[in-house]
Amino acid sequence: MTKSKYLALGGAVAAAAIAAGAFVCAKSLTEYFERQHQRRQVEGFVKKIFGDSNRVQTVLDKLSDDDVASLLRVSDKLRSLKDSASEYAGSARDQGMAAIDRLKSALSH
């Protein structure tokens, strides 16, 4: 190979290494920001339950990433249960109103 081909090959290898490094860096940054976002979600969830105190913040600061993920799952399950309860209450209310309407109708005849 000529000198220019070696330079071109070296440049291509360097560009590939830089691109791979940029990808790894971007992936690491994305994961870091995702963990930070999850941590803020958990902090909001915990502070709603226990209040905003120094003791709560101290405990939150000690949470591992696994703890944060577990608390997010609990938060999601509680939100799902709340939604299900709301749907059930709405359905029960509708059924109760229908029963009252039938009773009114029966009493008026």
C-alpha atoms as a PDB file:
ATOM      1  CA  MET A   1       0.000   0.000   0.000  1.00  0.00           C
ATOM      2  CA  THR A   2       1.070   3.510  -0.571  1.00  0.00           C
ATOM      3  CA  LYS A   3       1.528   6.031   2.157  1.00  0.00           C
ATOM      4  CA  SER A   4      -1.773   7.785   1.353  1.00  0.00           C
ATOM      5  CA  LYS A   5      -3.689   4.512   1.629  1.00  0.00           C
ATOM      6  CA  TYR A   6      -2.150   3.914   5.064  1.00  0.00           C
ATOM      7  CA  LEU A   7      -3.122   7.427   6.099  1.00  0.00           C
ATOM      8  CA  ALA A   8      -6.656   6.931   4.801  1.00  0.00           C
ATOM      9  CA  LEU A   9      -6.931   3.591   6.596  1.00  0.00           C
ATOM     10  CA  GLY A  10      -5.581   5.161   9.800  1.00  0.00           C
ATOM     11  CA  GLY A  11      -8.058   8.020   9.453  1.00  0.00           C
ATOM     12  CA  ALA A  12     -10.922   5.584   8.949  1.00  0.00           C
ATOM     13  CA  VAL A  13      -9.880   3.573  12.010  1.00  0.00           C
ATOM     14  CA  ALA A  14      -9.583   6.761  14.069  1.00  0.00           C
ATOM     15  CA  ALA A  15     -13.010   7.952  12.873  1.00  0.00           C
ATOM     16  CA  ALA A  16     -14.534   4.573  13.783  1.00  0.00           C
ATOM     17  CA  ALA A  17     -12.928   4.715  17.229  1.00  0.00           C
ATOM     18  CA  ILE A  18     -14.211   8.257  17.783  1.00  0.00           C
ATOM     19  CA  ALA A  19     -17.718   7.244  16.648  1.00  0.00           C
ATOM     20  CA  ALA A  20     -17.701   4.216  18.950  1.00  0.00           C
ATOM     21  CA  GLY A  21     -16.499   6.392  21.837  1.00  0.00           C
ATOM     22  CA  ALA A  22     -19.197   8.958  21.125  1.00  0.00           C
ATOM     23  CA  PHE A  23     -21.844   6.209  21.079  1.00  0.00           C
ATOM     24  CA  VAL A  24     -20.656   4.790  24.415  1.00  0.00           C
ATOM     25  CA  CYS A  25     -20.521   8.280  25.905  1.00  0.00           C
ATOM     26  CA  ALA A  26     -24.024   9.127  24.639  1.00  0.00           C
ATOM     27  CA  LYS A  27     -25.377   5.831  25.970  1.00  0.00           C
ATOM     28  CA  SER A  28     -23.782   6.417  29.366  1.00  0.00           C
ATOM     29  CA  LEU A  29     -25.155   9.958  29.521  1.00  0.00           C
ATOM     30  CA  THR A  30     -28.620   8.751  28.547  1.00  0.00           C
ATOM     31  CA  GLU A  31     -28.548   6.109  31.284  1.00  0.00           C
ATOM     32  CA  TYR A  32     -27.273   8.667  33.808  1.00  0.00           C
ATOM     33  CA  PHE A  33     -30.044  11.146  32.998  1.00  0.00           C
ATOM     34  CA  GLU A  34     -32.647   8.354  33.090  1.00  0.00           C
ATOM     35  CA  ARG A  35     -31.452   7.330  36.575  1.00  0.00           C
ATOM     36  CA  GLN A  36     -31.582  10.965  37.701  1.00  0.00           C
ATOM     37  CA  HIS A  37     -35.127  11.313  36.334  1.00  0.00           C
ATOM     38  CA  GLN A  38     -36.202   8.125  38.103  1.00  0.00           C
ATOM     39  CA  ARG A  39     -34.621   9.351  41.341  1.00  0.00           C
ATOM     40  CA  ARG A  40     -36.563  12.644  41.123  1.00  0.00           C
ATOM     41  CA  GLN A  41     -39.795  10.696  40.505  1.00  0.00           C
ATOM     42  CA  VAL A  42     -39.163   8.574  43.595  1.00  0.00           C
ATOM     43  CA  GLU A  43     -38.278  11.622  45.672  1.00  0.00           C
ATOM     44  CA  GLY A  44     -41.573  13.243  44.721  1.00  0.00           C
ATOM     45  CA  PHE A  45     -43.499  10.052  45.471  1.00  0.00           C
ATOM     46  CA  VAL A  46     -41.834   9.525  48.870  1.00  0.00           C
ATOM     47  CA  LYS A  47     -42.149  13.186  49.879  1.00  0.00           C
ATOM     48  CA  LYS A  48     -45.887  13.093  49.114  1.00  0.00           C
ATOM     49  CA  ILE A  49     -46.237  10.217  51.555  1.00  0.00           C
ATOM     50  CA  PHE A  50     -43.760  11.143  54.307  1.00  0.00           C
ATOM     51  CA  GLY A  51     -43.363  14.889  53.857  1.00  0.00           C
ATOM     52  CA  ASP A  52     -40.330  16.930  52.981  1.00  0.00           C
ATOM     53  CA  SER A  53     -37.912  16.679  55.890  1.00  0.00           C
ATOM     54  CA  ASN A  54     -34.155  16.356  56.308  1.00  0.00           C
ATOM     55  CA  ARG A  55     -34.580  12.795  57.551  1.00  0.00           C
ATOM     56  CA  VAL A  56     -36.538  11.799  54.429  1.00  0.00           C
ATOM     57  CA  GLN A  57     -33.947  13.463  52.197  1.00  0.00           C
ATOM     58  CA  THR A  58     -31.123  11.634  54.027  1.00  0.00           C
ATOM     59  CA  VAL A  59     -32.835   8.300  53.392  1.00  0.00           C
ATOM     60  CA  LEU A  60     -33.491   9.197  49.750  1.00  0.00           C
ATOM     61  CA  ASP A  61     -29.836  10.116  49.248  1.00  0.00           C
ATOM     62  CA  LYS A  62     -28.853   6.604  50.371  1.00  0.00           C
ATOM     63  CA  LEU A  63     -31.090   4.761  47.907  1.00  0.00           C
ATOM     64  CA  SER A  64     -29.362   2.566  45.353  1.00  0.00           C
ATOM     65  CA  ASP A  65     -30.446   2.453  41.726  1.00  0.00           C
ATOM     66  CA  ASP A  66     -32.139  -0.899  42.449  1.00  0.00           C
ATOM     67  CA  ASP A  67     -34.061   0.670  45.351  1.00  0.00           C
ATOM     68  CA  VAL A  68     -35.177   3.495  43.081  1.00  0.00           C
ATOM     69  CA  ALA A  69     -36.366   1.025  40.436  1.00  0.00           C
ATOM     70  CA  SER A  70     -38.268  -0.990  43.063  1.00  0.00           C
ATOM     71  CA  LEU A  71     -39.948   2.117  44.445  1.00  0.00           C
ATOM     72  CA  LEU A  72     -40.948   3.166  40.933  1.00  0.00           C
ATOM     73  CA  ARG A  73     -42.576  -0.228  40.410  1.00  0.00           C
ATOM     74  CA  VAL A  74     -44.459   0.192  43.699  1.00  0.00           C
ATOM     75  CA  SER A  75     -45.518   3.690  42.646  1.00  0.00           C
ATOM     76  CA  ASP A  76     -46.771   2.369  39.300  1.00  0.00           C
ATOM     77  CA  LYS A  77     -48.716  -0.427  41.008  1.00  0.00           C
ATOM     78  CA  LEU A  78     -50.301   2.009  43.457  1.00  0.00           C
ATOM     79  CA  ARG A  79     -51.266   4.317  40.600  1.00  0.00           C
ATOM     80  CA  SER A  80     -52.793   1.355  38.766  1.00  0.00           C
ATOM     81  CA  LEU A  81     -54.736   0.329  41.877  1.00  0.00           C
ATOM     82  CA  LYS A  82     -55.963   3.897  42.315  1.00  0.00           C
ATOM     83  CA  ASP A  83     -57.132   3.979  38.688  1.00  0.00           C
ATOM     84  CA  SER A  84     -58.882   0.616  39.097  1.00  0.00           C
ATOM     85  CA  ALA A  85     -60.574   1.781  42.295  1.00  0.00           C
ATOM     86  CA  SER A  86     -61.763   4.946  40.544  1.00  0.00           C
ATOM     87  CA  GLU A  87     -63.175   2.911  37.673  1.00  0.00           C
ATOM     88  CA  TYR A  88     -64.885   0.528  40.115  1.00  0.00           C
ATOM     89  CA  ALA A  89     -66.338   3.431  42.112  1.00  0.00           C
ATOM     90  CA  GLY A  90     -67.656   5.028  38.923  1.00  0.00           C
ATOM     91  CA  SER A  91     -69.234   1.768  37.836  1.00  0.00           C
ATOM     92  CA  ALA A  92     -70.764   1.199  41.281  1.00  0.00           C
ATOM     93  CA  ARG A  93     -72.120   4.758  41.290  1.00  0.00           C
ATOM     94  CA  ASP A  94     -73.685   4.253  37.847  1.00  0.00           C
ATOM     95  CA  GLN A  95     -75.254   0.974  38.949  1.00  0.00           C
ATOM     96  CA  GLY A  96     -76.547   2.594  42.144  1.00  0.00           C
ATOM     97  CA  MET A  97     -78.079   5.492  40.211  1.00  0.00           C
ATOM     98  CA  ALA A  98     -79.729   3.037  37.800  1.00  0.00           C
ATOM     99  CA  ALA A  99     -81.154   1.082  40.762  1.00  0.00           C
ATOM    100  CA  ILE A 100     -82.500   4.309  42.298  1.00  0.00           C
ATOM    101  CA  ASP A 101     -84.084   5.256  38.964  1.00  0.00           C
ATOM    102  CA  ARG A 102     -85.753   1.819  38.740  1.00  0.00           C
ATOM    103  CA  LEU A 103     -86.970   2.152  42.325  1.00  0.00           C
ATOM    104  CA  LYS A 104     -88.415   5.627  41.626  1.00  0.00           C
ATOM    105  CA  SER A 105     -90.100   4.279  38.540  1.00  0.00           C
ATOM    106  CA  ALA A 106     -91.553   1.351  40.453  1.00  0.00           C
ATOM    107  CA  LEU A 107     -92.819   3.597  43.245  1.00  0.00           C
ATOM    108  CA  SER A 108     -94.443   6.049  40.868  1.00  0.00           C
ATOM    109  CA  HIS A 109     -96.632   3.382  39.228  1.00  0.00           C
END
